[in-house]
Amino acid sequence: MLLPHFIHLTVYSCSDQSGCTAPASPDYRQRSAMSDPTPNVHEAITNGDVPDIHSKILASEFILLSTSKDGESEEENVGALTAELEEVEVLIAFTSEDNAKAFVDEMADLFSEDESVDGILVNGSAMLEYMPDGYGLLLDPELDPCSLMNPDVTASVLALQS
């Protein structure tokens, strides 16, 4: 298994947006789509083909976000960013470092001033191994494309890990 690599993401101010929508700037959407090396994961999720989703996730790397407050030790801030979306708990993941940075920049109001945001590079197998039970997957939120994999689909994908 690949060990996670930490990538520091700088938090800047942003506009208030929520949901799975692309920011208004066409340049931003174009940059995000061009920097995404694994758009086929989005396509597989959209198509709902569980074996295809599984194989595409395994063939990809993802960035998970983790936050920490000033003065906290590394043991205190272990974990990845999750959210509740339409009463469903989801793990938030990104298909590229650029997409993760763009999200952090756009959603800076989610993070307090004394928090740092780190990106954790994980391979698809590691992400599936540590996927919390009962969670869905929100891939590239605030970007275009953005994909939501419901918990039942996630459970089916995880079942193929055995």
Protein backbone atom coordinates (compact mmCIF):
# COMPACT_ATOMS: atom_id res chain seq x y z
CA MET A 1 0.00 0.00 0.00
CA LEU A 2 1.22 3.51 -0.77
CA LEU A 3 1.81 5.64 2.29
CA PRO A 4 -0.06 8.93 2.19
CA HIS A 5 1.87 11.97 0.96
CA PHE A 6 0.95 15.28 2.59
CA ILE A 7 0.51 18.35 0.40
CA HIS A 8 0.00 21.73 2.04
CA LEU A 9 -2.93 23.63 0.57
CA THR A 10 -3.15 27.35 1.29
CA VAL A 11 -6.54 28.68 2.36
CA TYR A 12 -7.65 31.99 0.81
CA SER A 13 -10.89 33.93 1.03
CA CYS A 14 -13.74 32.75 -1.17
CA SER A 15 -17.33 33.32 -2.17
CA ASP A 16 -20.15 31.38 -0.52
CA GLN A 17 -21.19 28.41 -2.67
CA SER A 18 -22.59 25.05 -1.76
CA GLY A 19 -23.56 21.82 -3.42
CA CYS A 20 -22.13 20.14 -6.45
CA THR A 21 -21.89 23.05 -8.86
CA ALA A 22 -19.10 24.66 -10.81
CA PRO A 23 -17.93 28.16 -9.88
CA ALA A 24 -19.08 30.88 -12.25
CA SER A 25 -15.76 31.51 -13.98
CA PRO A 26 -15.46 29.58 -17.27
CA ASP A 27 -11.65 29.82 -16.99
CA TYR A 28 -11.86 28.07 -13.62
CA ARG A 29 -13.97 25.21 -15.05
CA GLN A 30 -11.61 24.81 -17.98
CA ARG A 31 -8.54 24.74 -15.70
CA SER A 32 -10.17 22.18 -13.39
CA ALA A 33 -11.20 19.86 -16.19
CA MET A 34 -7.79 20.06 -17.86
CA SER A 35 -5.95 19.31 -14.60
CA ASP A 36 -8.09 16.27 -13.78
CA PRO A 37 -6.11 13.18 -14.81
CA THR A 38 -8.95 10.75 -14.03
CA PRO A 39 -12.20 12.07 -15.52
CA ASN A 40 -13.18 8.49 -16.32
CA VAL A 41 -13.96 7.93 -12.61
CA HIS A 42 -16.70 10.55 -12.90
CA GLU A 43 -18.04 8.82 -16.01
CA ALA A 44 -18.05 5.42 -14.29
CA ILE A 45 -19.95 6.85 -11.29
CA THR A 46 -22.45 8.54 -13.61
CA ASN A 47 -23.01 5.25 -15.46
CA GLY A 48 -23.44 3.33 -12.20
CA ASP A 49 -21.43 0.31 -13.36
CA VAL A 50 -20.06 -0.97 -10.04
CA PRO A 51 -17.23 -3.17 -11.46
CA ASP A 52 -16.15 -0.27 -13.70
CA ILE A 53 -16.25 2.17 -10.76
CA HIS A 54 -14.17 -0.25 -8.70
CA SER A 55 -11.51 -0.74 -11.38
CA LYS A 56 -11.28 2.99 -12.15
CA ILE A 57 -10.92 3.88 -8.46
CA LEU A 58 -8.19 1.25 -8.05
CA ALA A 59 -6.32 2.69 -11.06
CA SER A 60 -6.46 6.26 -9.71
CA GLU A 61 -4.94 8.43 -7.02
CA PHE A 62 -6.97 10.86 -4.94
CA ILE A 63 -6.41 13.82 -2.66
CA LEU A 64 -8.19 13.73 0.70
CA LEU A 65 -8.27 16.84 2.87
CA SER A 66 -7.35 16.96 6.53
CA THR A 67 -7.48 19.97 8.83
CA SER A 68 -5.48 20.78 11.93
CA LYS A 69 -5.46 23.66 14.37
CA ASP A 70 -2.35 25.48 15.46
CA GLY A 71 -0.68 23.61 18.31
CA GLU A 72 -2.31 20.23 17.66
CA SER A 73 -0.08 17.20 17.34
CA GLU A 74 -0.28 14.98 14.26
CA GLU A 75 -2.09 12.31 16.31
CA GLU A 76 -4.90 14.75 17.14
CA ASN A 77 -5.71 15.60 13.52
CA VAL A 78 -5.79 12.22 11.82
CA GLY A 79 -8.73 11.89 9.46
CA ALA A 80 -10.17 13.12 6.20
CA LEU A 81 -12.76 15.77 5.44
CA THR A 82 -16.33 14.44 5.39
CA ALA A 83 -19.68 16.16 4.98
CA GLU A 84 -23.39 15.54 5.24
CA LEU A 85 -25.09 16.02 1.90
CA GLU A 86 -28.85 15.53 1.65
CA GLU A 87 -28.80 13.53 4.92
CA VAL A 88 -26.04 11.27 3.58
CA GLU A 89 -22.56 11.17 5.10
CA VAL A 90 -19.86 11.38 2.41
CA LEU A 91 -16.10 11.24 2.21
CA ILE A 92 -14.81 14.18 0.18
CA ALA A 93 -12.08 13.34 -2.34
CA PHE A 94 -10.44 15.05 -5.30
CA THR A 95 -9.00 13.67 -8.51
CA SER A 96 -6.08 16.12 -8.57
CA GLU A 97 -4.12 18.47 -6.35
CA ASP A 98 -5.33 21.41 -8.47
CA ASN A 99 -8.95 20.43 -7.84
CA ALA A 100 -8.32 20.15 -4.09
CA LYS A 101 -6.62 23.56 -4.01
CA ALA A 102 -9.46 25.12 -6.00
CA PHE A 103 -12.00 23.73 -3.53
CA VAL A 104 -10.07 25.03 -0.54
CA ASP A 105 -9.74 28.44 -2.18
CA GLU A 106 -13.45 28.60 -3.06
CA MET A 107 -14.67 27.25 0.28
CA ALA A 108 -12.24 29.01 2.65
CA ASP A 109 -15.14 30.11 4.88
CA LEU A 110 -15.50 26.45 5.95
CA PHE A 111 -12.13 26.62 7.68
CA SER A 112 -11.21 28.81 10.66
CA GLU A 113 -8.23 31.15 10.53
CA ASP A 114 -6.22 28.98 12.94
CA GLU A 115 -6.71 25.83 10.83
CA SER A 116 -4.32 24.57 8.21
CA VAL A 117 -5.60 22.34 5.44
CA ASP A 118 -3.46 19.50 4.17
CA GLY A 119 -3.97 17.32 1.14
CA ILE A 120 -3.24 13.62 1.56
CA LEU A 121 -2.34 11.76 -1.63
CA VAL A 122 -3.70 8.20 -1.52
CA ASN A 123 -4.09 5.50 -4.11
CA GLY A 124 -7.58 4.21 -4.83
CA SER A 125 -7.04 0.98 -2.95
CA ALA A 126 -6.08 2.86 0.24
CA MET A 127 -9.06 5.18 -0.09
CA LEU A 128 -11.43 2.22 -0.37
CA GLU A 129 -9.70 0.40 2.49
CA TYR A 130 -10.29 3.32 4.85
CA MET A 131 -13.75 4.32 3.56
CA PRO A 132 -16.04 4.65 6.59
CA ASP A 133 -18.95 2.19 6.72
CA GLY A 134 -22.21 3.65 5.50
CA TYR A 135 -20.59 6.62 3.75
CA GLY A 136 -20.90 7.76 0.17
CA LEU A 137 -18.18 9.46 -1.87
CA LEU A 138 -18.32 13.06 -3.06
CA LEU A 139 -15.72 13.48 -5.79
CA ASP A 140 -14.52 16.97 -6.79
CA PRO A 141 -17.23 19.03 -5.05
CA GLU A 142 -17.75 22.57 -6.40
CA LEU A 143 -16.17 21.57 -9.73
CA ASP A 144 -17.39 20.42 -13.10
CA PRO A 145 -17.53 17.44 -13.27
CA CYS A 146 -18.58 16.56 -9.74
CA SER A 147 -19.82 13.10 -8.77
CA LEU A 148 -21.78 11.74 -5.84
CA MET A 149 -21.60 8.02 -5.17
CA ASN A 150 -24.39 7.03 -2.78
CA PRO A 151 -23.63 4.78 0.21
CA ASP A 152 -25.34 1.76 -1.38
CA VAL A 153 -23.11 2.05 -4.46
CA THR A 154 -20.08 2.58 -2.22
CA ALA A 155 -20.99 -0.59 -0.30
CA SER A 156 -21.22 -2.52 -3.59
CA VAL A 157 -17.82 -1.18 -4.67
CA LEU A 158 -16.32 -2.09 -1.28
CA ALA A 159 -17.76 -5.61 -1.56
CA LEU A 160 -15.52 -6.13 -4.61
CA GLN A 161 -12.46 -5.47 -2.43
CA SER A 162 -12.78 -8.86 -0.72
